Amino acid sequence: MKKCRLCQKEFDPDQVLTDPAAIAGQHLAEQDYGDAGLLCPDCLASRGRLAMMYRTDCFD
């Protein structure tokens, strides 16, 4: 178990992500932010949803 860098909630970094928003957030964590494996699925999903709504340079 790890503690999320943003919300401090414990999570399993090996958990398989199935939510499309969390998967998008994981992609951003790997490609843009350099914090892959440090965020819980909820924070990844929040990041992914925001990116899908507001970023114009992703997900073409």
Protein backbone atom coordinates (compact mmCIF):
# COMPACT_ATOMS: atom_id res chain seq x y z
CA MET A 1 0.00 0.00 0.00
CA LYS A 2 1.09 3.54 -0.76
CA LYS A 3 -0.16 6.91 0.33
CA CYS A 4 -1.48 9.19 -2.43
CA ARG A 5 0.69 12.23 -3.03
CA LEU A 6 -2.36 14.51 -3.35
CA CYS A 7 -5.07 13.29 -0.97
CA GLN A 8 -2.95 11.14 1.39
CA LYS A 9 -5.39 8.20 1.10
CA GLU A 10 -3.84 4.72 1.05
CA PHE A 11 -4.14 2.79 -2.23
CA ASP A 12 -2.76 -0.27 -3.98
CA PRO A 13 -0.47 0.89 -6.81
CA ASP A 14 -0.87 -2.50 -8.53
CA GLN A 15 -4.66 -2.17 -8.81
CA VAL A 16 -5.87 -2.48 -12.40
CA LEU A 17 -7.58 0.71 -13.55
CA THR A 18 -10.87 0.25 -15.42
CA ASP A 19 -12.36 3.76 -15.26
CA PRO A 20 -11.57 5.63 -18.51
CA ALA A 21 -10.96 8.87 -16.59
CA ALA A 22 -8.46 7.13 -14.28
CA ILE A 23 -6.72 5.59 -17.29
CA ALA A 24 -6.47 9.04 -18.88
CA GLY A 25 -5.09 10.38 -15.60
CA GLN A 26 -2.52 7.58 -15.51
CA HIS A 27 -1.46 8.45 -19.05
CA LEU A 28 -0.95 12.06 -17.98
CA ALA A 29 0.94 10.94 -14.87
CA GLU A 30 3.33 8.97 -17.06
CA GLN A 31 3.69 11.42 -19.94
CA ASP A 32 3.33 14.93 -18.48
CA TYR A 33 3.58 15.03 -14.71
CA GLY A 34 6.14 12.36 -13.81
CA ASP A 35 4.14 11.10 -10.85
CA ALA A 36 3.03 7.69 -12.10
CA GLY A 37 2.45 5.28 -9.24
CA LEU A 38 2.12 8.08 -6.70
CA LEU A 39 -1.57 8.96 -7.11
CA CYS A 40 -4.64 6.98 -6.07
CA PRO A 41 -7.28 5.99 -8.66
CA ASP A 42 -9.63 8.76 -7.44
CA CYS A 43 -7.04 11.49 -7.97
CA LEU A 44 -6.05 10.00 -11.33
CA ALA A 45 -9.71 10.01 -12.37
CA SER A 46 -10.09 13.65 -11.32
CA ARG A 47 -7.01 14.61 -13.33
CA GLY A 48 -8.23 12.62 -16.32
CA ARG A 49 -11.72 14.17 -16.26
CA LEU A 50 -10.31 17.68 -16.03
CA ALA A 51 -7.92 17.01 -18.90
CA MET A 52 -10.69 15.57 -21.08
CA MET A 53 -12.82 18.65 -20.40
CA TYR A 54 -10.23 21.41 -20.63
CA ARG A 55 -6.98 20.37 -22.29
CA THR A 56 -6.87 20.83 -26.02
CA ASP A 57 -3.43 19.27 -26.50
CA CYS A 58 -4.38 15.74 -25.35
CA PHE A 59 -6.42 12.86 -26.59
CA ASP A 60 -6.61 13.81 -30.26
